Amino acid sequence: MKLNIQDTFNKELPADPIIINSIRQVEKACFSFVTPKKTANPKVLHISPEMAENLGISIEETQTDYFQNIVTGNEVLPDTQPYAMCYGGYQFGNWAGQLGDGRAINLTEVIHNNKRWAIQLKGAGLTPYSRTADGLAVLRSSVREYLCSEAMFHLGIPTTRALSLSLSGDEVLRDVLYNGNPAYEKGAIVSRIAPSFLRFGNYQILASRQDHDTLKILVDYTIKHFYTDLGSPSKATYLSFFQQVADRSLDMVLHWQRVGFVHGVMNTDNMSILGLTIDYGPYGWLEGYDYGWTPNTTDAQNKRYRYGKQPEMVLWNLYQLANALYPLIDEAAGLEAVLESYRTQYDEKYLKMMRSKIGLYTDQEGDDTIIQVLEENLHLIETDMTIFYRNLSQFEKGNPEKGISIIQDAFYQSIEEYPEVIETWTLWFEHYNQRLVFENEINSERREKMNAVNPKYVLRNYMSQLAIDAADKKDYTLIDELFQLLKNPYAEQPEHEKWFAKRPDWARDKVGCSMLSCSS
């Protein structure tokens, strides 16, 4: 296995001079060198052939002991120096100080087909940033991250990727719901892949310490490698950099809202500087359409990161990044203009996105009202978001009276028991039918376009939990079945129709299906 290794992060940025792997505050540095922990009995459970190919690794090479040793931390690639990043962050709105890669170790950077990829192991042992934790990960959280990052990519959502899912062979102590009932679980490691794992917190920690020299070095590095069109460093360049980060972050959260994805823990240390979805912890997809839903038990009371608030939270996080970059720009007007444009752009892009979800391709006055009423209707009784939008594509112009029968599979209760809800939906379908008169597409064309933005299959939490439960019993077939299913989320896949279904009753209040903690 010969990779085209071209490290930059640990070559061009200031390193922590202390080599001993002890828990500590790391200052005037962007990272610390660290070696992954050797594991007891490693076993690769699944690999992504697509990601292996992206890195220049053949399928045959992924079957070797050498590959297994690399992706489980038992061997270090020649001429590389693994490291953990230093960053800080606002957690649930409060500055938490230094955080850093507490259970992630970056192995190296690879260039293949003119694309740069950083390879990282999650769950590979202690780093200087592990605080009171052990730096390890368990099977359930690793299955969820592995499946979700690849599923998000195939949904067309900017995301980090995954190369492999492995068992470490070690037992790891975890308290699933932070309620004083810890238990040993199977240890696991995910090999995560991204152009870079830089996040807002990398810049914030330096600004918070007024280490503006290192901050400038890091921003210049980021622009040089990941925002190459911006040119040489200057105050104008830094402002353009912030604009592009804001634009990418906006596009990312619009995609989240489009498919009903809820990240669950949108702290600034979980915000990618490249606008990628990063750190899959207590995430989930909306089952019943609900602006107020969050999958995160830690956030259950305040619901800071609930579905309906995600765009606002991206903006809040961008404000914190603006504060971190301010010392390099030294004027607020430009930064404020970028933040203000986020609001305007979001409203415009959200309307356009929602039009596409319901098959409207011209701009007509009153479209915002049709969409607003639709979203209000979706809250009337518990209504499955994914099934609703997918089935709406079957609506045919001229038949408003058939609207409810088309979407009724999305309701969790019998709509016959709610005559006022029937009346409200009937009225909406009449208005929707009138609006479709302005569209040129025939029914089949509109259906095809709508199905291209409304997925049929998403990684519902109960699906992940089924795969986790099976994997706990050494049955890994469901991991592969879901992995293959989610590579084509917009396709009909009639052989997998069983996954196009509402959340089953047994999953409504089950841990792992509706309740997840940050350790999940």
Protein backbone atom coordinates (compact mmCIF):
# COMPACT_ATOMS: atom_id res chain seq x y z
CA MET A 1 0.00 0.00 0.00
CA LYS A 2 1.87 3.04 -1.28
CA LEU A 3 0.15 6.34 -0.56
CA ASN A 4 1.13 9.71 -2.01
CA ILE A 5 1.82 11.28 1.39
CA GLN A 6 2.17 15.06 1.41
CA ASP A 7 1.79 16.35 4.93
CA THR A 8 1.25 20.08 5.42
CA PHE A 9 -0.58 20.63 8.71
CA ASN A 10 2.16 19.18 10.89
CA LYS A 11 4.92 20.59 8.69
CA GLU A 12 3.78 24.18 8.15
CA LEU A 13 2.12 25.01 11.46
CA PRO A 14 3.57 25.49 14.98
CA ALA A 15 3.81 22.26 16.97
CA ASP A 16 3.47 21.72 20.70
CA PRO A 17 7.11 21.38 21.87
CA ILE A 18 6.18 18.91 24.63
CA ILE A 19 6.32 15.35 23.32
CA ILE A 20 5.04 13.56 26.45
CA ASN A 21 1.40 12.54 25.98
CA SER A 22 0.01 14.18 29.12
CA ILE A 23 -3.27 16.04 29.61
CA ARG A 24 -2.39 19.75 29.55
CA GLN A 25 -3.05 23.21 28.20
CA VAL A 26 -1.26 23.62 24.87
CA GLU A 27 -0.32 27.18 23.94
CA LYS A 28 1.21 28.88 20.89
CA ALA A 29 0.70 25.68 18.89
CA CYS A 30 -1.87 24.25 16.48
CA PHE A 31 -1.33 20.59 17.36
CA SER A 32 0.53 18.03 19.47
CA PHE A 33 2.35 14.97 18.19
CA VAL A 34 0.79 11.77 19.52
CA THR A 35 0.92 8.05 18.77
CA PRO A 36 -2.26 5.95 18.48
CA LYS A 37 -2.87 3.30 21.15
CA LYS A 38 -2.15 -0.28 20.16
CA THR A 39 -5.27 -2.42 20.46
CA ALA A 40 -5.78 -5.93 21.77
CA ASN A 41 -7.40 -7.74 18.86
CA PRO A 42 -8.27 -5.42 15.93
CA LYS A 43 -10.71 -6.43 13.22
CA VAL A 44 -11.93 -4.40 10.25
CA LEU A 45 -15.70 -4.81 10.00
CA HIS A 46 -16.44 -2.72 6.91
CA ILE A 47 -14.69 -0.50 4.40
CA SER A 48 -15.91 2.06 1.89
CA PRO A 49 -14.49 0.98 -1.49
CA GLU A 50 -15.22 4.44 -2.88
CA MET A 51 -13.14 6.17 -0.21
CA ALA A 52 -10.33 3.64 -0.55
CA GLU A 53 -10.21 4.42 -4.26
CA ASN A 54 -10.20 8.17 -3.51
CA LEU A 55 -7.04 7.64 -1.46
CA GLY A 56 -5.35 5.43 -4.03
CA ILE A 57 -5.88 2.19 -2.06
CA SER A 58 -6.98 -0.91 -3.99
CA ILE A 59 -9.67 -3.27 -2.71
CA GLU A 60 -7.03 -5.99 -2.45
CA GLU A 61 -4.92 -3.76 -0.23
CA THR A 62 -7.85 -3.15 2.15
CA GLN A 63 -7.89 -6.91 2.85
CA THR A 64 -4.34 -6.96 4.20
CA ASP A 65 -3.11 -7.05 7.79
CA TYR A 66 -1.10 -3.92 7.05
CA PHE A 67 -4.23 -1.93 6.15
CA GLN A 68 -5.96 -3.25 9.26
CA ASN A 69 -3.04 -2.21 11.45
CA ILE A 70 -2.99 1.31 9.98
CA VAL A 71 -6.73 2.00 10.38
CA THR A 72 -6.77 0.66 13.94
CA GLY A 73 -3.69 2.55 15.11
CA ASN A 74 -1.49 -0.50 15.54
CA GLU A 75 1.03 0.66 12.96
CA VAL A 76 2.14 4.12 11.84
CA LEU A 77 2.65 4.86 8.16
CA PRO A 78 6.35 5.33 7.25
CA ASP A 79 7.67 8.90 7.33
CA THR A 80 4.57 10.26 9.06
CA GLN A 81 3.99 11.88 12.46
CA PRO A 82 0.44 11.47 13.79
CA TYR A 83 -0.97 14.40 15.75
CA ALA A 84 -3.99 15.78 17.57
CA MET A 85 -5.34 19.28 16.86
CA CYS A 86 -5.64 22.04 19.44
CA TYR A 87 -8.92 23.96 19.42
CA GLY A 88 -11.48 25.52 21.71
CA GLY A 89 -15.18 26.15 21.40
CA TYR A 90 -18.48 27.45 22.63
CA GLN A 91 -20.46 24.50 23.98
CA PHE A 92 -24.21 25.11 24.27
CA GLY A 93 -23.51 28.85 24.14
CA ASN A 94 -20.76 28.97 26.79
CA TRP A 95 -17.05 29.35 26.16
CA ALA A 96 -15.40 26.08 27.20
CA GLY A 97 -11.77 27.03 26.66
CA GLN A 98 -9.39 24.44 25.26
CA LEU A 99 -11.05 21.30 23.89
CA GLY A 100 -9.04 19.74 21.05
CA ASP A 101 -8.90 16.28 19.52
CA GLY A 102 -9.66 14.30 22.64
CA ARG A 103 -10.29 11.02 20.85
CA ALA A 104 -9.19 11.75 17.29
CA ILE A 105 -5.68 11.29 15.93
CA ASN A 106 -4.70 12.58 12.50
CA LEU A 107 -2.44 10.11 10.70
CA THR A 108 -1.35 11.90 7.54
CA GLU A 109 -2.42 13.76 4.40
CA VAL A 110 -2.65 12.06 1.01
CA ILE A 111 -2.97 13.53 -2.47
CA HIS A 112 -4.63 11.38 -5.11
CA ASN A 113 -6.11 12.52 -8.41
CA ASN A 114 -5.22 16.12 -7.45
CA LYS A 115 -7.35 15.98 -4.30
CA ARG A 116 -6.02 16.33 -0.78
CA TRP A 117 -7.35 14.06 1.95
CA ALA A 118 -6.54 14.01 5.66
CA ILE A 119 -6.81 10.58 7.31
CA GLN A 120 -7.93 10.52 10.92
CA LEU A 121 -8.71 7.81 13.46
CA LYS A 122 -11.54 8.38 15.93
CA GLY A 123 -11.27 6.33 19.09
CA ALA A 124 -7.53 5.62 18.83
CA GLY A 125 -6.47 6.62 22.33
CA LEU A 126 -5.45 9.42 24.65
CA THR A 127 -4.15 12.79 23.48
CA PRO A 128 -3.17 15.93 25.44
CA TYR A 129 -6.75 17.11 24.82
CA SER A 130 -8.59 14.09 26.27
CA ARG A 131 -9.31 15.95 29.55
CA THR A 132 -11.01 13.41 31.86
CA ALA A 133 -11.88 10.94 29.07
CA ASP A 134 -10.06 7.89 27.72
CA GLY A 135 -9.73 8.86 24.05
CA LEU A 136 -11.61 5.74 22.96
CA ALA A 137 -14.88 5.12 21.12
CA VAL A 138 -17.47 2.36 21.31
CA LEU A 139 -19.13 0.26 18.63
CA ARG A 140 -22.54 1.96 18.72
CA SER A 141 -21.23 5.49 18.17
CA SER A 142 -18.76 4.25 15.57
CA VAL A 143 -21.43 2.42 13.55
CA ARG A 144 -23.54 5.56 13.60
CA GLU A 145 -20.69 7.81 12.44
CA TYR A 146 -19.47 5.40 9.77
CA LEU A 147 -22.89 4.89 8.19
CA CYS A 148 -24.01 8.49 8.51
CA SER A 149 -21.01 10.24 7.00
CA GLU A 150 -21.23 8.11 3.86
CA ALA A 151 -25.04 8.38 3.76
CA MET A 152 -24.81 12.19 3.93
CA PHE A 153 -22.37 12.26 1.03
CA HIS A 154 -24.75 10.30 -1.18
CA LEU A 155 -27.59 12.63 -0.19
CA GLY A 156 -25.49 15.41 -1.74
CA ILE A 157 -24.68 17.05 1.59
CA PRO A 158 -21.19 18.47 2.30
CA THR A 159 -19.64 16.12 4.85
CA THR A 160 -16.57 14.42 6.19
CA ARG A 161 -16.26 10.86 4.91
CA ALA A 162 -15.37 7.45 6.34
CA LEU A 163 -12.91 4.84 5.10
CA SER A 164 -13.34 2.01 7.58
CA LEU A 165 -15.12 0.73 10.67
CA SER A 166 -13.13 -1.55 12.98
CA LEU A 167 -13.35 -3.28 16.32
CA SER A 168 -10.41 -2.61 18.62
CA GLY A 169 -10.86 -5.80 20.63
CA ASP A 170 -10.81 -3.74 23.84
CA GLU A 171 -13.64 -3.12 26.28
CA VAL A 172 -14.57 0.53 26.91
CA LEU A 173 -16.51 1.85 29.93
CA ARG A 174 -19.38 4.20 29.02
CA ASP A 175 -22.39 5.77 30.74
CA VAL A 176 -24.82 5.93 27.81
CA LEU A 177 -27.24 8.48 29.26
CA TYR A 178 -24.96 10.08 31.86
CA ASN A 179 -27.25 8.76 34.60
CA GLY A 180 -24.72 6.93 36.78
CA ASN A 181 -25.01 3.52 35.14
CA PRO A 182 -21.73 2.89 33.31
CA ALA A 183 -21.14 -0.43 31.55
CA TYR A 184 -18.43 -1.98 29.40
CA GLU A 185 -18.98 -1.90 25.65
CA LYS A 186 -17.04 -3.04 22.60
CA GLY A 187 -14.35 -0.58 21.57
CA ALA A 188 -14.26 0.56 17.96
CA ILE A 189 -12.38 2.90 15.64
CA VAL A 190 -13.59 4.81 12.59
CA SER A 191 -11.14 6.01 10.00
CA ARG A 192 -12.48 9.44 9.05
CA ILE A 193 -11.51 11.27 5.87
CA ALA A 194 -11.80 14.95 4.87
CA PRO A 195 -9.75 17.53 3.00
CA SER A 196 -9.19 19.02 6.46
CA PHE A 197 -10.67 18.62 9.93
CA LEU A 198 -10.15 22.30 10.80
CA ARG A 199 -13.07 23.80 12.67
CA PHE A 200 -14.08 27.22 13.98
CA GLY A 201 -12.58 26.32 17.35
CA ASN A 202 -9.05 26.05 15.92
CA TYR A 203 -9.11 29.80 15.31
CA GLN A 204 -11.10 30.70 18.42
CA ILE A 205 -8.65 29.18 20.88
CA LEU A 206 -5.81 31.30 19.46
CA ALA A 207 -7.88 34.49 19.47
CA SER A 208 -9.07 33.83 23.03
CA ARG A 209 -5.43 33.66 24.14
CA GLN A 210 -4.59 36.75 22.06
CA ASP A 211 -2.03 34.67 20.19
CA HIS A 212 -2.53 36.67 17.02
CA ASP A 213 0.76 35.58 15.46
CA THR A 214 -0.23 31.91 15.45
CA LEU A 215 -3.77 32.87 14.43
CA LYS A 216 -2.41 34.61 11.32
CA ILE A 217 -0.21 31.62 10.50
CA LEU A 218 -3.22 29.29 10.73
CA VAL A 219 -5.53 31.50 8.65
CA ASP A 220 -2.83 31.96 6.01
CA TYR A 221 -2.31 28.19 5.92
CA THR A 222 -6.07 27.60 5.52
CA ILE A 223 -6.32 30.05 2.63
CA LYS A 224 -3.20 28.69 0.94
CA HIS A 225 -4.48 25.10 0.88
CA PHE A 226 -8.28 25.30 0.93
CA TYR A 227 -9.28 28.75 -0.35
CA THR A 228 -6.63 29.06 -3.02
CA ASP A 229 -8.66 31.42 -5.22
CA LEU A 230 -8.41 34.21 -2.61
CA GLY A 231 -4.76 35.03 -3.29
CA SER A 232 -2.13 36.52 -1.03
CA PRO A 233 -2.88 37.32 2.64
CA SER A 234 -4.33 40.77 3.36
CA LYS A 235 -7.21 42.24 5.34
CA ALA A 236 -9.37 42.08 2.21
CA THR A 237 -8.39 38.43 1.71
CA TYR A 238 -9.32 37.58 5.30
CA LEU A 239 -12.72 39.20 4.83
CA SER A 240 -13.29 37.26 1.59
CA PHE A 241 -12.26 34.11 3.46
CA PHE A 242 -14.91 34.75 6.09
CA GLN A 243 -17.49 35.38 3.35
CA GLN A 244 -16.74 32.04 1.75
CA VAL A 245 -16.88 30.19 5.07
CA ALA A 246 -20.27 31.80 5.71
CA ASP A 247 -21.51 30.84 2.22
CA ARG A 248 -20.40 27.24 2.63
CA SER A 249 -21.92 26.99 6.11
CA LEU A 250 -25.20 28.38 4.78
CA ASP A 251 -25.33 25.85 1.96
CA MET A 252 -24.61 23.05 4.43
CA VAL A 253 -27.44 23.92 6.80
CA LEU A 254 -29.89 24.38 3.91
CA HIS A 255 -29.16 20.79 2.94
CA TRP A 256 -29.78 19.71 6.53
CA GLN A 257 -33.17 21.40 6.52
CA ARG A 258 -33.99 19.94 3.11
CA VAL A 259 -33.66 16.33 4.25
CA GLY A 260 -34.70 16.81 7.90
CA PHE A 261 -31.26 16.13 9.40
CA VAL A 262 -30.64 17.36 12.94
CA HIS A 263 -26.99 17.54 13.99
CA GLY A 264 -27.73 17.64 17.71
CA VAL A 265 -24.55 19.34 18.97
CA MET A 266 -23.71 22.41 16.88
CA ASN A 267 -21.00 23.75 19.17
CA THR A 268 -18.36 25.89 17.47
CA ASP A 269 -15.81 23.09 17.82
CA ASN A 270 -18.17 21.00 15.66
CA MET A 271 -18.33 23.55 12.84
CA SER A 272 -16.03 22.78 9.90
CA ILE A 273 -14.09 25.69 8.39
CA LEU A 274 -14.81 24.04 5.00
CA GLY A 275 -18.59 23.97 5.49
CA LEU A 276 -18.67 20.19 5.96
CA THR A 277 -20.97 18.29 8.30
CA ILE A 278 -18.56 17.10 10.98
CA ASP A 279 -18.68 15.08 14.21
CA TYR A 280 -21.63 12.70 14.05
CA GLY A 281 -22.73 12.27 17.65
CA PRO A 282 -26.36 12.56 18.79
CA TYR A 283 -27.73 13.26 15.31
CA GLY A 284 -31.06 12.15 13.87
CA TRP A 285 -33.53 12.61 11.05
CA LEU A 286 -36.96 14.01 11.73
CA GLU A 287 -39.53 11.27 12.05
CA GLY A 288 -42.55 13.38 12.89
CA TYR A 289 -42.10 16.85 11.35
CA ASP A 290 -41.27 19.07 14.32
CA TYR A 291 -39.32 22.34 14.46
CA GLY A 292 -38.70 21.70 18.16
CA TRP A 293 -37.12 18.25 17.90
CA THR A 294 -33.58 17.51 19.01
CA PRO A 295 -32.08 14.02 19.32
CA ASN A 296 -29.65 15.13 22.03
CA THR A 297 -30.60 14.30 25.64
CA THR A 298 -28.03 16.85 26.85
CA ASP A 299 -30.04 19.50 24.98
CA ALA A 300 -33.47 18.14 25.90
CA GLN A 301 -34.40 21.00 28.22
CA ASN A 302 -33.23 24.08 26.31
CA LYS A 303 -33.38 22.59 22.80
CA ARG A 304 -30.73 25.03 21.63
CA TYR A 305 -29.91 22.86 18.62
CA ARG A 306 -33.42 21.80 17.64
CA TYR A 307 -34.29 21.35 13.96
CA GLY A 308 -36.04 24.68 13.48
CA LYS A 309 -33.18 26.64 15.05
CA GLN A 310 -30.24 25.13 13.13
CA PRO A 311 -29.90 27.98 10.58
CA GLU A 312 -29.88 30.51 13.43
CA MET A 313 -27.24 28.49 15.28
CA VAL A 314 -24.98 28.47 12.22
CA LEU A 315 -25.26 32.26 12.18
CA TRP A 316 -24.51 32.46 15.93
CA ASN A 317 -21.42 30.33 15.38
CA LEU A 318 -20.36 32.55 12.49
CA TYR A 319 -20.57 35.55 14.83
CA GLN A 320 -18.09 33.80 17.13
CA LEU A 321 -15.78 33.06 14.20
CA ALA A 322 -16.01 36.71 13.16
CA ASN A 323 -14.89 37.71 16.64
CA ALA A 324 -11.92 35.36 16.34
CA LEU A 325 -10.89 36.75 12.94
CA TYR A 326 -11.42 40.38 13.92
CA PRO A 327 -7.81 40.91 15.17
CA LEU A 328 -6.55 40.17 11.65
CA ILE A 329 -9.05 42.47 9.92
CA ASP A 330 -9.33 45.21 12.54
CA GLU A 331 -12.64 46.59 11.33
CA ALA A 332 -16.13 45.36 12.06
CA ALA A 333 -18.18 46.74 9.16
CA GLY A 334 -17.11 44.13 6.62
CA LEU A 335 -17.65 41.24 9.01
CA GLU A 336 -21.06 42.61 9.98
CA ALA A 337 -22.02 42.90 6.32
CA VAL A 338 -21.21 39.22 5.76
CA LEU A 339 -23.30 38.22 8.77
CA GLU A 340 -26.20 40.38 7.65
CA SER A 341 -26.06 38.93 4.13
CA TYR A 342 -26.36 35.45 5.66
CA ARG A 343 -29.87 36.29 6.89
CA THR A 344 -30.99 37.63 3.51
CA GLN A 345 -29.41 34.81 1.55
CA TYR A 346 -30.88 32.20 3.85
CA ASP A 347 -34.43 33.43 3.35
CA GLU A 348 -33.99 33.54 -0.44
CA LYS A 349 -32.28 30.16 -0.69
CA TYR A 350 -34.69 28.50 1.71
CA LEU A 351 -37.65 29.61 -0.40
CA LYS A 352 -35.96 28.29 -3.53
CA MET A 353 -35.14 25.00 -1.83
CA MET A 354 -38.68 24.55 -0.55
CA ARG A 355 -40.10 25.32 -3.99
CA SER A 356 -37.99 22.48 -5.39
CA LYS A 357 -39.26 20.11 -2.68
CA ILE A 358 -42.89 20.68 -3.74
CA GLY A 359 -42.28 20.92 -7.48
CA LEU A 360 -42.47 24.65 -8.10
CA TYR A 361 -39.93 25.88 -10.64
CA THR A 362 -41.20 29.36 -11.40
CA ASP A 363 -41.38 32.28 -8.98
CA GLN A 364 -44.93 33.26 -8.17
CA GLU A 365 -46.28 35.71 -5.64
CA GLY A 366 -47.69 33.86 -2.66
CA ASP A 367 -45.30 30.91 -2.83
CA ASP A 368 -43.95 31.77 0.61
CA THR A 369 -47.51 31.56 1.99
CA ILE A 370 -48.16 28.15 0.40
CA ILE A 371 -44.94 26.87 1.96
CA GLN A 372 -45.63 28.43 5.35
CA VAL A 373 -49.12 26.90 5.48
CA LEU A 374 -47.69 23.55 4.39
CA GLU A 375 -45.18 23.60 7.26
CA GLU A 376 -47.93 24.54 9.71
CA ASN A 377 -50.05 21.65 8.43
CA LEU A 378 -47.18 19.21 8.91
CA HIS A 379 -47.32 20.05 12.62
CA LEU A 380 -51.08 19.38 12.98
CA ILE A 381 -50.65 15.70 13.74
CA GLU A 382 -47.47 13.63 13.77
CA THR A 383 -46.41 13.42 10.13
CA ASP A 384 -43.34 11.65 8.80
CA MET A 385 -41.25 14.20 6.90
CA THR A 386 -39.42 11.83 4.55
CA ILE A 387 -42.51 9.86 3.53
CA PHE A 388 -44.63 13.00 3.14
CA TYR A 389 -42.34 14.76 0.67
CA ARG A 390 -41.51 11.60 -1.24
CA ASN A 391 -45.18 10.71 -1.70
CA LEU A 392 -46.17 14.28 -2.57
CA SER A 393 -44.41 13.79 -5.90
CA GLN A 394 -47.24 11.41 -6.88
CA PHE A 395 -49.78 14.26 -6.80
CA GLU A 396 -51.25 14.88 -10.23
CA LYS A 397 -52.40 18.28 -11.41
CA GLY A 398 -56.16 18.54 -11.61
CA ASN A 399 -56.91 16.02 -8.85
CA PRO A 400 -56.78 17.94 -5.56
CA GLU A 401 -59.35 15.61 -4.02
CA LYS A 402 -56.77 12.78 -4.14
CA GLY A 403 -54.15 14.74 -2.21
CA ILE A 404 -54.83 13.30 1.24
CA SER A 405 -54.88 9.70 0.01
CA ILE A 406 -51.45 10.23 -1.54
CA ILE A 407 -49.85 11.42 1.70
CA GLN A 408 -51.84 9.43 4.28
CA ASP A 409 -49.05 6.86 4.76
CA ALA A 410 -46.99 9.66 6.33
CA PHE A 411 -49.41 10.10 9.25
CA TYR A 412 -48.62 8.28 12.49
CA GLN A 413 -52.30 8.30 13.52
CA SER A 414 -55.42 7.67 11.49
CA ILE A 415 -56.37 11.02 9.95
CA GLU A 416 -60.01 9.91 9.90
CA GLU A 417 -60.12 10.74 13.61
CA TYR A 418 -59.28 14.39 12.89
CA PRO A 419 -61.93 15.93 10.58
CA GLU A 420 -60.52 19.43 11.10
CA VAL A 421 -57.11 18.21 9.92
CA ILE A 422 -58.70 16.67 6.82
CA GLU A 423 -60.39 19.97 6.11
CA THR A 424 -57.16 21.94 6.50
CA TRP A 425 -55.19 19.60 4.22
CA THR A 426 -57.99 19.56 1.63
CA LEU A 427 -57.84 23.35 1.42
CA TRP A 428 -54.05 23.28 1.04
CA PHE A 429 -54.21 20.78 -1.81
CA GLU A 430 -56.74 22.99 -3.60
CA HIS A 431 -54.34 25.94 -3.39
CA TYR A 432 -51.40 23.73 -4.37
CA ASN A 433 -53.31 22.46 -7.39
CA GLN A 434 -54.10 26.03 -8.46
CA ARG A 435 -50.45 26.97 -8.08
CA LEU A 436 -49.28 24.06 -10.27
CA VAL A 437 -51.20 25.57 -13.19
CA PHE A 438 -48.28 27.99 -13.59
CA GLU A 439 -45.81 25.10 -14.03
CA ASN A 440 -45.00 23.61 -17.45
CA GLU A 441 -43.83 20.17 -16.30
CA ILE A 442 -46.11 17.23 -16.91
CA ASN A 443 -46.78 15.08 -13.84
CA SER A 444 -44.03 12.55 -14.58
CA GLU A 445 -41.40 15.26 -15.12
CA ARG A 446 -42.34 17.01 -11.89
CA ARG A 447 -42.25 13.70 -10.02
CA GLU A 448 -38.75 12.95 -11.29
CA LYS A 449 -37.47 16.40 -10.28
CA MET A 450 -39.07 16.24 -6.84
CA ASN A 451 -37.69 12.76 -6.20
CA ALA A 452 -34.21 14.07 -6.96
CA VAL A 453 -34.34 16.39 -3.90
CA ASN A 454 -36.64 14.41 -1.59
CA PRO A 455 -34.87 11.20 -0.55
CA LYS A 456 -36.78 7.97 -0.20
CA TYR A 457 -34.28 6.50 2.26
CA VAL A 458 -32.53 8.22 5.17
CA LEU A 459 -30.61 6.74 8.10
CA ARG A 460 -33.34 6.76 10.72
CA ASN A 461 -32.07 6.17 14.24
CA TYR A 462 -33.95 2.90 14.62
CA MET A 463 -32.19 1.57 11.50
CA SER A 464 -28.79 2.38 13.01
CA GLN A 465 -29.85 0.78 16.28
CA LEU A 466 -30.87 -2.45 14.55
CA ALA A 467 -27.45 -2.58 12.91
CA ILE A 468 -25.76 -1.88 16.26
CA ASP A 469 -27.77 -4.57 18.07
CA ALA A 470 -26.87 -7.10 15.38
CA ALA A 471 -23.20 -6.07 15.44
CA ASP A 472 -23.13 -6.58 19.20
CA LYS A 473 -23.98 -10.21 18.41
CA LYS A 474 -21.20 -10.38 15.78
CA ASP A 475 -23.63 -10.09 12.87
CA TYR A 476 -22.39 -7.34 10.57
CA THR A 477 -24.65 -8.01 7.58
CA LEU A 478 -27.08 -5.22 8.45
CA ILE A 479 -24.25 -2.67 8.49
CA ASP A 480 -23.50 -3.61 4.90
CA GLU A 481 -27.17 -3.70 3.89
CA LEU A 482 -27.73 -0.15 5.15
CA PHE A 483 -24.43 1.02 3.68
CA GLN A 484 -25.49 -0.23 0.22
CA LEU A 485 -29.06 1.09 0.58
CA LEU A 486 -27.90 4.60 1.48
CA LYS A 487 -25.59 4.87 -1.52
CA ASN A 488 -28.73 5.49 -3.62
CA PRO A 489 -31.12 7.33 -1.31
CA TYR A 490 -33.14 8.93 -4.14
CA ALA A 491 -33.65 5.69 -6.09
CA GLU A 492 -36.81 3.60 -5.67
CA GLN A 493 -34.94 0.37 -4.76
CA PRO A 494 -38.14 -1.74 -4.54
CA GLU A 495 -36.13 -4.62 -3.06
CA HIS A 496 -35.51 -2.42 0.00
CA GLU A 497 -39.06 -1.09 0.37
CA LYS A 498 -39.19 -2.24 4.01
CA TRP A 499 -36.90 0.70 4.91
CA PHE A 500 -39.35 3.19 3.40
CA ALA A 501 -41.51 3.17 6.50
CA LYS A 502 -42.40 5.22 9.54
CA ARG A 503 -40.51 4.71 12.78
CA PRO A 504 -41.92 1.57 14.46
CA ASP A 505 -43.69 1.95 17.80
CA TRP A 506 -41.00 0.02 19.68
CA ALA A 507 -38.45 2.68 18.70
CA ARG A 508 -40.45 5.69 19.92
CA ASP A 509 -38.83 5.87 23.36
CA LYS A 510 -35.96 3.41 23.00
CA VAL A 511 -32.43 4.53 23.89
CA GLY A 512 -30.46 4.89 20.67
CA CYS A 513 -33.61 5.53 18.61
CA SER A 514 -35.10 8.64 20.19
CA MET A 515 -32.71 9.44 23.03
CA LEU A 516 -29.01 9.95 22.39
CA SER A 517 -26.25 11.52 24.46
CA CYS A 518 -23.06 13.17 23.31
CA SER A 519 -21.27 9.89 24.06
CA SER A 520 -23.58 7.95 21.77
